[in-house]
Amino acid sequence: MWYVYILKCSDNSHYTGCTNNLFDRIIRHNKGQIHYTKDKLPVKLLTYIVFMDKYQAYNFERYLKSGSGMAFRNKRLI
């Protein structure tokens, strides 16, 4: 399974990512091992969406990072 997830960072920004091991990825974020979030700790998991197909997950992540995807995220997912 693949997960598209949204984190809330300590500076109130949001991070959207994709992984096949959500638990490990959140731990890595909070340990400061992920470049984008290492200076925005701690992070909090807001939501995640599960996909069976890796490519659908990555396409949805890319959509959420687009302008209309951010509007959808803000209105429906967080």
C-alpha atoms as a PDB file:
ATOM      1  CA  MET A   1       0.000   0.000   0.000  1.00  0.00           C
ATOM      2  CA  TRP A   2       1.062   3.588  -0.655  1.00  0.00           C
ATOM      3  CA  TYR A   3       0.172   6.577   1.469  1.00  0.00           C
ATOM      4  CA  VAL A   4      -0.195  10.237   0.562  1.00  0.00           C
ATOM      5  CA  TYR A   5      -0.004  12.189   3.796  1.00  0.00           C
ATOM      6  CA  ILE A   6      -0.306  15.756   4.999  1.00  0.00           C
ATOM      7  CA  LEU A   7       1.669  17.077   7.948  1.00  0.00           C
ATOM      8  CA  LYS A   8       1.262  20.294   9.876  1.00  0.00           C
ATOM      9  CA  CYS A   9       4.646  21.778  10.785  1.00  0.00           C
ATOM     10  CA  SER A  10       5.447  23.847  13.861  1.00  0.00           C
ATOM     11  CA  ASP A  11       5.507  27.030  11.738  1.00  0.00           C
ATOM     12  CA  ASN A  12       1.890  26.278  10.630  1.00  0.00           C
ATOM     13  CA  SER A  13       2.979  25.316   7.106  1.00  0.00           C
ATOM     14  CA  HIS A  14       1.859  22.037   5.548  1.00  0.00           C
ATOM     15  CA  TYR A  15       3.936  19.279   4.017  1.00  0.00           C
ATOM     16  CA  THR A  16       2.529  16.730   1.568  1.00  0.00           C
ATOM     17  CA  GLY A  17       4.415  13.516   0.910  1.00  0.00           C
ATOM     18  CA  CYS A  18       4.102   9.972  -0.367  1.00  0.00           C
ATOM     19  CA  THR A  19       5.506   6.743   1.089  1.00  0.00           C
ATOM     20  CA  ASN A  20       4.915   3.020   1.365  1.00  0.00           C
ATOM     21  CA  ASN A  21       5.770   3.004   5.104  1.00  0.00           C
ATOM     22  CA  LEU A  22       3.840   5.776   6.833  1.00  0.00           C
ATOM     23  CA  PHE A  23       4.879   4.949  10.409  1.00  0.00           C
ATOM     24  CA  ASP A  24       8.602   4.991   9.581  1.00  0.00           C
ATOM     25  CA  ARG A  25       8.286   8.159   7.495  1.00  0.00           C
ATOM     26  CA  ILE A  26       6.613  10.108  10.327  1.00  0.00           C
ATOM     27  CA  ILE A  27       9.358   8.995  12.717  1.00  0.00           C
ATOM     28  CA  ARG A  28      12.009  10.149  10.221  1.00  0.00           C
ATOM     29  CA  HIS A  29      10.271  13.525   9.881  1.00  0.00           C
ATOM     30  CA  ASN A  30      10.239  14.038  13.655  1.00  0.00           C
ATOM     31  CA  LYS A  31      13.891  13.004  13.990  1.00  0.00           C
ATOM     32  CA  GLY A  32      14.857  15.747  11.541  1.00  0.00           C
ATOM     33  CA  GLN A  33      15.980  13.341   8.816  1.00  0.00           C
ATOM     34  CA  ILE A  34      13.765  14.866   6.119  1.00  0.00           C
ATOM     35  CA  HIS A  35      15.253  18.020   4.598  1.00  0.00           C
ATOM     36  CA  TYR A  36      12.101  20.125   4.204  1.00  0.00           C
ATOM     37  CA  THR A  37      10.741  19.564   7.720  1.00  0.00           C
ATOM     38  CA  LYS A  38      13.940  19.350   9.776  1.00  0.00           C
ATOM     39  CA  ASP A  39      13.737  23.003  10.849  1.00  0.00           C
ATOM     40  CA  LYS A  40       9.945  22.898  11.344  1.00  0.00           C
ATOM     41  CA  LEU A  41       9.721  20.309  14.127  1.00  0.00           C
ATOM     42  CA  PRO A  42       7.659  18.850  15.587  1.00  0.00           C
ATOM     43  CA  VAL A  43       5.314  17.808  12.815  1.00  0.00           C
ATOM     44  CA  LYS A  44       1.805  16.460  13.292  1.00  0.00           C
ATOM     45  CA  LEU A  45       0.046  14.027  10.945  1.00  0.00           C
ATOM     46  CA  LEU A  46      -3.230  15.616   9.834  1.00  0.00           C
ATOM     47  CA  THR A  47      -4.503  13.091   7.326  1.00  0.00           C
ATOM     48  CA  TYR A  48      -3.473  10.314   4.977  1.00  0.00           C
ATOM     49  CA  ILE A  49      -5.001   8.592   1.975  1.00  0.00           C
ATOM     50  CA  VAL A  50      -4.234   4.981   1.067  1.00  0.00           C
ATOM     51  CA  PHE A  51      -3.653   3.789  -2.497  1.00  0.00           C
ATOM     52  CA  MET A  52      -3.010   0.311  -3.794  1.00  0.00           C
ATOM     53  CA  ASP A  53      -1.141   1.635  -6.820  1.00  0.00           C
ATOM     54  CA  LYS A  54       2.146   3.550  -6.438  1.00  0.00           C
ATOM     55  CA  TYR A  55       1.576   5.678  -9.534  1.00  0.00           C
ATOM     56  CA  GLN A  56      -1.895   6.776  -8.439  1.00  0.00           C
ATOM     57  CA  ALA A  57      -0.427   7.797  -5.094  1.00  0.00           C
ATOM     58  CA  TYR A  58       2.353   9.845  -6.675  1.00  0.00           C
ATOM     59  CA  ASN A  59      -0.091  11.457  -9.101  1.00  0.00           C
ATOM     60  CA  PHE A  60      -2.391  12.433  -6.232  1.00  0.00           C
ATOM     61  CA  GLU A  61       0.571  13.846  -4.273  1.00  0.00           C
ATOM     62  CA  ARG A  62       1.553  15.926  -7.313  1.00  0.00           C
ATOM     63  CA  TYR A  63      -2.049  17.150  -7.631  1.00  0.00           C
ATOM     64  CA  LEU A  64      -2.146  18.204  -3.961  1.00  0.00           C
ATOM     65  CA  LYS A  65       0.993  20.286  -4.532  1.00  0.00           C
ATOM     66  CA  SER A  66      -0.631  22.157  -7.452  1.00  0.00           C
ATOM     67  CA  GLY A  67      -2.675  25.331  -7.031  1.00  0.00           C
ATOM     68  CA  SER A  68      -6.075  23.673  -7.349  1.00  0.00           C
ATOM     69  CA  GLY A  69      -4.844  20.737  -5.274  1.00  0.00           C
ATOM     70  CA  MET A  70      -3.845  23.060  -2.417  1.00  0.00           C
ATOM     71  CA  ALA A  71      -7.314  24.638  -2.548  1.00  0.00           C
ATOM     72  CA  PHE A  72      -8.862  21.141  -2.398  1.00  0.00           C
ATOM     73  CA  ARG A  73      -6.531  20.188   0.491  1.00  0.00           C
ATOM     74  CA  ASN A  74      -7.424  23.293   2.471  1.00  0.00           C
ATOM     75  CA  LYS A  75     -11.165  22.919   1.935  1.00  0.00           C
ATOM     76  CA  ARG A  76     -11.598  19.136   2.199  1.00  0.00           C
ATOM     77  CA  LEU A  77      -8.616  17.450   3.870  1.00  0.00           C
ATOM     78  CA  ILE A  78      -7.348  19.680   6.682  1.00  0.00           C
END
